[in-house]
Amino acid sequence: MARAIGLVENVGHDHGVDYPFRGTIATSNGESIWAFRYSSEGKSRSLFFSTNVATLRQLNPEVEILHAVGDETRLVVSEPLGDPPGAWNEVPESAAGVVRPGTDEMRPFTPTTP
């Protein structure tokens, strides 16, 4: 992802675009989710992930999808679904998160030149 966004930035800059990339991206292999929040300008749109589906179920019993997923499930959204305390974590600007069973991690994200 760092090389792909780096390529977009290089091509954009070569064509006179000051801020060629802005995006929030999430991808998965079915077990882990990789989520990225980055913009060339440093003003990305928001990106959040849930920390505890059990808490979300308790606070939002009417949301059926929450009853169909396991306790290790994480939701990645552009805006939180409601505001239950402790349920949502914002991905920081220029960061990448890895969400997987057991341990989640957050790290800085910087594009690289391909």
N, C-alpha and C. Protein backbone atom coordinates (compact mmCIF):
# COMPACT_ATOMS: atom_id res chain seq x y z
N MET A 1 0.83 -1.18 0.00
CA MET A 1 0.00 0.00 0.00
C MET A 1 0.88 1.25 0.00
N ALA A 2 1.99 1.20 0.75
CA ALA A 2 2.89 2.35 0.79
C ALA A 2 3.46 2.66 -0.59
N ARG A 3 3.81 1.62 -1.35
CA ARG A 3 4.34 1.84 -2.70
C ARG A 3 3.27 2.34 -3.65
N ALA A 4 2.05 1.80 -3.54
CA ALA A 4 0.96 2.21 -4.43
C ALA A 4 0.61 3.68 -4.23
N ILE A 5 0.49 4.10 -2.98
CA ILE A 5 0.16 5.50 -2.72
C ILE A 5 1.35 6.39 -3.07
N GLY A 6 2.55 5.90 -2.84
CA GLY A 6 3.74 6.65 -3.24
C GLY A 6 3.77 6.89 -4.74
N LEU A 7 3.37 5.88 -5.52
CA LEU A 7 3.30 6.03 -6.97
C LEU A 7 2.27 7.09 -7.36
N VAL A 8 1.09 7.03 -6.75
CA VAL A 8 0.05 8.03 -7.03
C VAL A 8 0.57 9.43 -6.72
N GLU A 9 1.25 9.58 -5.60
CA GLU A 9 1.79 10.90 -5.25
C GLU A 9 2.85 11.35 -6.25
N ASN A 10 3.74 10.46 -6.64
CA ASN A 10 4.78 10.83 -7.62
C ASN A 10 4.17 11.27 -8.94
N VAL A 11 3.24 10.50 -9.46
CA VAL A 11 2.60 10.84 -10.74
C VAL A 11 1.83 12.15 -10.60
N GLY A 12 1.10 12.29 -9.50
CA GLY A 12 0.35 13.52 -9.27
C GLY A 12 1.25 14.74 -9.21
N HIS A 13 2.34 14.64 -8.46
CA HIS A 13 3.26 15.76 -8.36
C HIS A 13 3.90 16.08 -9.71
N ASP A 14 4.21 15.03 -10.50
CA ASP A 14 4.77 15.24 -11.84
C ASP A 14 3.80 16.00 -12.75
N HIS A 15 2.50 15.92 -12.43
CA HIS A 15 1.49 16.60 -13.23
C HIS A 15 0.96 17.86 -12.55
N GLY A 16 1.69 18.35 -11.55
CA GLY A 16 1.33 19.61 -10.93
C GLY A 16 0.23 19.55 -9.89
N VAL A 17 -0.10 18.38 -9.41
CA VAL A 17 -1.14 18.24 -8.39
C VAL A 17 -0.48 18.35 -7.02
N ASP A 18 -0.88 19.33 -6.23
CA ASP A 18 -0.26 19.54 -4.93
C ASP A 18 -0.55 18.41 -3.94
N TYR A 19 -1.79 17.96 -3.89
CA TYR A 19 -2.21 16.93 -2.94
C TYR A 19 -2.90 15.80 -3.70
N PRO A 20 -2.14 14.89 -4.29
CA PRO A 20 -2.72 13.91 -5.21
C PRO A 20 -3.47 12.74 -4.56
N PHE A 21 -3.34 12.55 -3.25
CA PHE A 21 -4.02 11.41 -2.65
C PHE A 21 -4.73 11.80 -1.37
N ARG A 22 -5.96 11.29 -1.22
CA ARG A 22 -6.70 11.36 0.03
C ARG A 22 -7.58 10.13 0.09
N GLY A 23 -7.45 9.37 1.15
CA GLY A 23 -8.29 8.19 1.22
C GLY A 23 -8.22 7.46 2.53
N THR A 24 -9.25 6.69 2.75
CA THR A 24 -9.26 5.71 3.83
C THR A 24 -9.52 4.38 3.15
N ILE A 25 -8.68 3.42 3.45
CA ILE A 25 -8.71 2.16 2.73
C ILE A 25 -8.73 1.03 3.75
N ALA A 26 -9.53 0.02 3.49
CA ALA A 26 -9.52 -1.18 4.32
C ALA A 26 -9.54 -2.39 3.39
N THR A 27 -8.75 -3.38 3.74
CA THR A 27 -8.72 -4.62 2.97
C THR A 27 -8.58 -5.78 3.94
N SER A 28 -8.96 -6.97 3.50
CA SER A 28 -8.94 -8.12 4.40
C SER A 28 -8.60 -9.39 3.65
N ASN A 29 -8.05 -10.34 4.37
CA ASN A 29 -7.84 -11.68 3.83
C ASN A 29 -8.83 -12.67 4.45
N GLY A 30 -9.84 -12.17 5.13
CA GLY A 30 -10.85 -13.02 5.76
C GLY A 30 -10.57 -13.26 7.24
N GLU A 31 -9.36 -12.99 7.67
CA GLU A 31 -9.02 -13.14 9.09
C GLU A 31 -8.49 -11.83 9.67
N SER A 32 -7.63 -11.17 8.93
CA SER A 32 -7.07 -9.89 9.36
C SER A 32 -7.62 -8.77 8.49
N ILE A 33 -7.68 -7.57 9.06
CA ILE A 33 -8.07 -6.38 8.32
C ILE A 33 -6.91 -5.39 8.42
N TRP A 34 -6.54 -4.81 7.29
CA TRP A 34 -5.56 -3.74 7.26
C TRP A 34 -6.31 -2.48 6.87
N ALA A 35 -6.21 -1.45 7.69
CA ALA A 35 -6.91 -0.20 7.43
C ALA A 35 -5.89 0.94 7.41
N PHE A 36 -6.04 1.82 6.43
CA PHE A 36 -5.10 2.92 6.22
C PHE A 36 -5.87 4.23 6.17
N ARG A 37 -5.31 5.24 6.80
CA ARG A 37 -5.86 6.59 6.74
C ARG A 37 -4.71 7.50 6.37
N TYR A 38 -4.83 8.13 5.21
CA TYR A 38 -3.72 8.96 4.73
C TYR A 38 -4.22 9.96 3.70
N SER A 39 -3.62 11.15 3.71
CA SER A 39 -3.80 12.10 2.62
C SER A 39 -2.51 12.87 2.44
N SER A 40 -2.23 13.26 1.22
CA SER A 40 -1.04 14.05 0.91
C SER A 40 -1.04 15.36 1.68
N GLU A 41 -2.22 15.90 1.91
CA GLU A 41 -2.37 17.18 2.59
C GLU A 41 -2.32 17.04 4.12
N GLY A 42 -2.51 15.80 4.61
CA GLY A 42 -2.54 15.60 6.06
C GLY A 42 -3.90 15.87 6.67
N LYS A 43 -4.96 15.83 5.83
CA LYS A 43 -6.32 16.08 6.30
C LYS A 43 -7.26 14.99 5.76
N SER A 44 -7.04 13.77 6.17
CA SER A 44 -7.85 12.64 5.68
C SER A 44 -9.26 12.67 6.24
N ARG A 45 -10.13 11.99 5.55
CA ARG A 45 -11.47 11.73 6.09
C ARG A 45 -11.29 10.77 7.27
N SER A 46 -12.29 10.70 8.11
CA SER A 46 -12.17 9.88 9.32
C SER A 46 -12.26 8.38 9.01
N LEU A 47 -11.70 7.58 9.92
CA LEU A 47 -11.76 6.12 9.84
C LEU A 47 -11.74 5.60 11.28
N PHE A 48 -12.68 4.70 11.58
CA PHE A 48 -12.82 4.16 12.93
C PHE A 48 -12.91 2.65 12.88
N PHE A 49 -12.52 2.00 13.99
CA PHE A 49 -12.76 0.57 14.14
C PHE A 49 -13.31 0.30 15.53
N SER A 50 -14.16 -0.73 15.62
CA SER A 50 -14.75 -1.09 16.91
C SER A 50 -13.76 -1.93 17.71
N THR A 51 -13.90 -1.88 19.01
CA THR A 51 -13.02 -2.66 19.86
C THR A 51 -13.72 -3.83 20.53
N ASN A 52 -15.01 -3.72 20.75
CA ASN A 52 -15.69 -4.74 21.52
C ASN A 52 -17.11 -4.93 21.01
N VAL A 53 -17.32 -6.00 20.25
CA VAL A 53 -18.64 -6.26 19.69
C VAL A 53 -19.66 -6.55 20.79
N ALA A 54 -19.23 -7.19 21.87
CA ALA A 54 -20.16 -7.48 22.98
C ALA A 54 -20.74 -6.18 23.54
N THR A 55 -19.91 -5.17 23.68
CA THR A 55 -20.40 -3.86 24.16
C THR A 55 -21.36 -3.24 23.16
N LEU A 56 -21.01 -3.33 21.88
CA LEU A 56 -21.91 -2.79 20.86
C LEU A 56 -23.25 -3.49 20.86
N ARG A 57 -23.25 -4.82 21.04
CA ARG A 57 -24.51 -5.58 21.11
C ARG A 57 -25.37 -5.10 22.27
N GLN A 58 -24.73 -4.93 23.41
CA GLN A 58 -25.44 -4.52 24.62
C GLN A 58 -26.04 -3.13 24.47
N LEU A 59 -25.29 -2.22 23.86
CA LEU A 59 -25.75 -0.85 23.72
C LEU A 59 -26.67 -0.63 22.53
N ASN A 60 -26.62 -1.54 21.55
CA ASN A 60 -27.43 -1.41 20.33
C ASN A 60 -28.13 -2.73 20.01
N PRO A 61 -29.00 -3.21 20.88
CA PRO A 61 -29.62 -4.53 20.67
C PRO A 61 -30.46 -4.62 19.40
N GLU A 62 -30.88 -3.48 18.86
CA GLU A 62 -31.72 -3.48 17.66
C GLU A 62 -30.92 -3.68 16.37
N VAL A 63 -29.60 -3.58 16.42
CA VAL A 63 -28.76 -3.73 15.23
C VAL A 63 -28.49 -5.22 15.03
N GLU A 64 -29.23 -5.83 14.11
CA GLU A 64 -29.19 -7.28 13.92
C GLU A 64 -27.82 -7.83 13.54
N ILE A 65 -27.07 -7.12 12.73
CA ILE A 65 -25.77 -7.62 12.28
C ILE A 65 -24.84 -7.89 13.46
N LEU A 66 -24.98 -7.13 14.53
CA LEU A 66 -24.12 -7.32 15.70
C LEU A 66 -24.35 -8.66 16.39
N HIS A 67 -25.53 -9.24 16.18
CA HIS A 67 -25.85 -10.54 16.78
C HIS A 67 -25.39 -11.70 15.89
N ALA A 68 -25.01 -11.38 14.66
CA ALA A 68 -24.61 -12.42 13.71
C ALA A 68 -23.09 -12.59 13.63
N VAL A 69 -22.35 -11.76 14.32
CA VAL A 69 -20.88 -11.81 14.24
C VAL A 69 -20.29 -12.27 15.57
N GLY A 70 -19.08 -12.81 15.50
CA GLY A 70 -18.40 -13.31 16.69
C GLY A 70 -17.78 -12.20 17.52
N ASP A 71 -17.36 -12.56 18.73
CA ASP A 71 -16.79 -11.58 19.65
C ASP A 71 -15.48 -10.98 19.16
N GLU A 72 -14.73 -11.68 18.29
CA GLU A 72 -13.47 -11.16 17.76
C GLU A 72 -13.68 -10.25 16.55
N THR A 73 -14.92 -10.10 16.11
CA THR A 73 -15.23 -9.29 14.95
C THR A 73 -14.94 -7.82 15.25
N ARG A 74 -14.40 -7.14 14.27
CA ARG A 74 -14.20 -5.70 14.35
C ARG A 74 -14.89 -5.08 13.15
N LEU A 75 -15.51 -3.95 13.38
CA LEU A 75 -16.14 -3.20 12.30
C LEU A 75 -15.24 -2.02 11.96
N VAL A 76 -15.03 -1.78 10.67
CA VAL A 76 -14.25 -0.64 10.21
C VAL A 76 -15.22 0.25 9.44
N VAL A 77 -15.35 1.50 9.90
CA VAL A 77 -16.33 2.41 9.33
C VAL A 77 -15.74 3.81 9.16
N SER A 78 -16.34 4.59 8.26
CA SER A 78 -15.88 5.96 8.08
C SER A 78 -16.39 6.86 9.19
N GLU A 79 -17.53 6.55 9.73
CA GLU A 79 -18.10 7.29 10.86
C GLU A 79 -18.69 6.28 11.85
N PRO A 80 -18.55 6.53 13.16
CA PRO A 80 -19.08 5.60 14.15
C PRO A 80 -20.59 5.42 14.03
N LEU A 81 -21.02 4.21 14.32
CA LEU A 81 -22.44 3.89 14.36
C LEU A 81 -22.93 4.20 15.77
N GLY A 82 -23.32 5.43 16.02
CA GLY A 82 -23.67 5.85 17.37
C GLY A 82 -22.40 6.22 18.13
N ASP A 83 -22.55 6.49 19.41
CA ASP A 83 -21.41 6.94 20.19
C ASP A 83 -21.32 6.23 21.54
N PRO A 84 -21.42 4.90 21.57
CA PRO A 84 -21.28 4.23 22.87
C PRO A 84 -19.86 4.38 23.40
N PRO A 85 -19.71 4.72 24.68
CA PRO A 85 -18.38 4.94 25.26
C PRO A 85 -17.46 3.74 25.08
N GLY A 86 -16.26 4.00 24.60
CA GLY A 86 -15.26 2.96 24.47
C GLY A 86 -15.45 1.99 23.32
N ALA A 87 -16.48 2.18 22.51
CA ALA A 87 -16.76 1.23 21.44
C ALA A 87 -15.97 1.52 20.17
N TRP A 88 -15.64 2.80 19.94
CA TRP A 88 -15.00 3.18 18.68
C TRP A 88 -13.63 3.81 18.92
N ASN A 89 -12.70 3.46 18.05
CA ASN A 89 -11.35 4.02 18.08
C ASN A 89 -11.09 4.67 16.74
N GLU A 90 -10.65 5.92 16.76
CA GLU A 90 -10.32 6.59 15.50
C GLU A 90 -8.91 6.21 15.08
N VAL A 91 -8.78 5.86 13.81
CA VAL A 91 -7.45 5.61 13.25
C VAL A 91 -6.80 6.99 13.11
N PRO A 92 -5.61 7.20 13.68
CA PRO A 92 -4.96 8.52 13.58
C PRO A 92 -4.59 8.86 12.14
N GLU A 93 -4.42 10.16 11.90
CA GLU A 93 -3.96 10.63 10.59
C GLU A 93 -2.62 9.97 10.25
N SER A 94 -2.46 9.58 9.00
CA SER A 94 -1.23 8.94 8.50
C SER A 94 -0.88 7.71 9.33
N ALA A 95 -1.85 6.82 9.45
CA ALA A 95 -1.66 5.60 10.25
C ALA A 95 -2.22 4.39 9.51
N ALA A 96 -1.72 3.24 9.89
CA ALA A 96 -2.23 1.97 9.39
C ALA A 96 -2.53 1.11 10.60
N GLY A 97 -3.67 0.45 10.56
CA GLY A 97 -4.05 -0.44 11.64
C GLY A 97 -4.18 -1.86 11.13
N VAL A 98 -3.79 -2.79 11.96
CA VAL A 98 -3.98 -4.21 11.66
C VAL A 98 -4.90 -4.75 12.74
N VAL A 99 -6.04 -5.26 12.30
CA VAL A 99 -7.03 -5.82 13.21
C VAL A 99 -7.08 -7.31 12.95
N ARG A 100 -6.82 -8.11 13.99
CA ARG A 100 -6.83 -9.57 13.84
C ARG A 100 -7.18 -10.20 15.17
N PRO A 101 -7.56 -11.46 15.15
CA PRO A 101 -7.91 -12.12 16.42
C PRO A 101 -6.78 -12.01 17.43
N GLY A 102 -7.14 -11.67 18.64
CA GLY A 102 -6.17 -11.58 19.72
C GLY A 102 -5.58 -10.21 19.89
N THR A 103 -4.77 -9.76 18.94
CA THR A 103 -4.04 -8.50 19.10
C THR A 103 -4.26 -7.59 17.90
N ASP A 104 -4.63 -6.36 18.18
CA ASP A 104 -4.73 -5.33 17.15
C ASP A 104 -3.51 -4.43 17.30
N GLU A 105 -3.10 -3.79 16.22
CA GLU A 105 -1.98 -2.86 16.33
C GLU A 105 -2.18 -1.67 15.42
N MET A 106 -1.59 -0.56 15.80
CA MET A 106 -1.64 0.66 15.03
C MET A 106 -0.20 1.12 14.83
N ARG A 107 0.11 1.56 13.61
CA ARG A 107 1.47 2.04 13.34
C ARG A 107 1.40 3.22 12.38
N PRO A 108 2.46 4.04 12.38
CA PRO A 108 2.50 5.16 11.43
C PRO A 108 2.53 4.65 9.99
N PHE A 109 1.97 5.45 9.09
CA PHE A 109 1.95 5.10 7.68
C PHE A 109 2.59 6.23 6.88
N THR A 110 3.57 5.87 6.08
CA THR A 110 4.23 6.81 5.18
C THR A 110 4.40 6.16 3.83
N PRO A 111 3.91 6.79 2.76
CA PRO A 111 4.12 6.24 1.42
C PRO A 111 5.60 6.18 1.08
N THR A 112 5.96 5.26 0.21
CA THR A 112 7.34 5.14 -0.24
C THR A 112 7.37 5.28 -1.76
N THR A 113 8.50 5.73 -2.25
CA THR A 113 8.68 5.86 -3.68
C THR A 113 8.88 4.48 -4.26
N PRO A 114 8.07 4.12 -5.27
CA PRO A 114 8.21 2.77 -5.88
C PRO A 114 9.52 2.63 -6.66
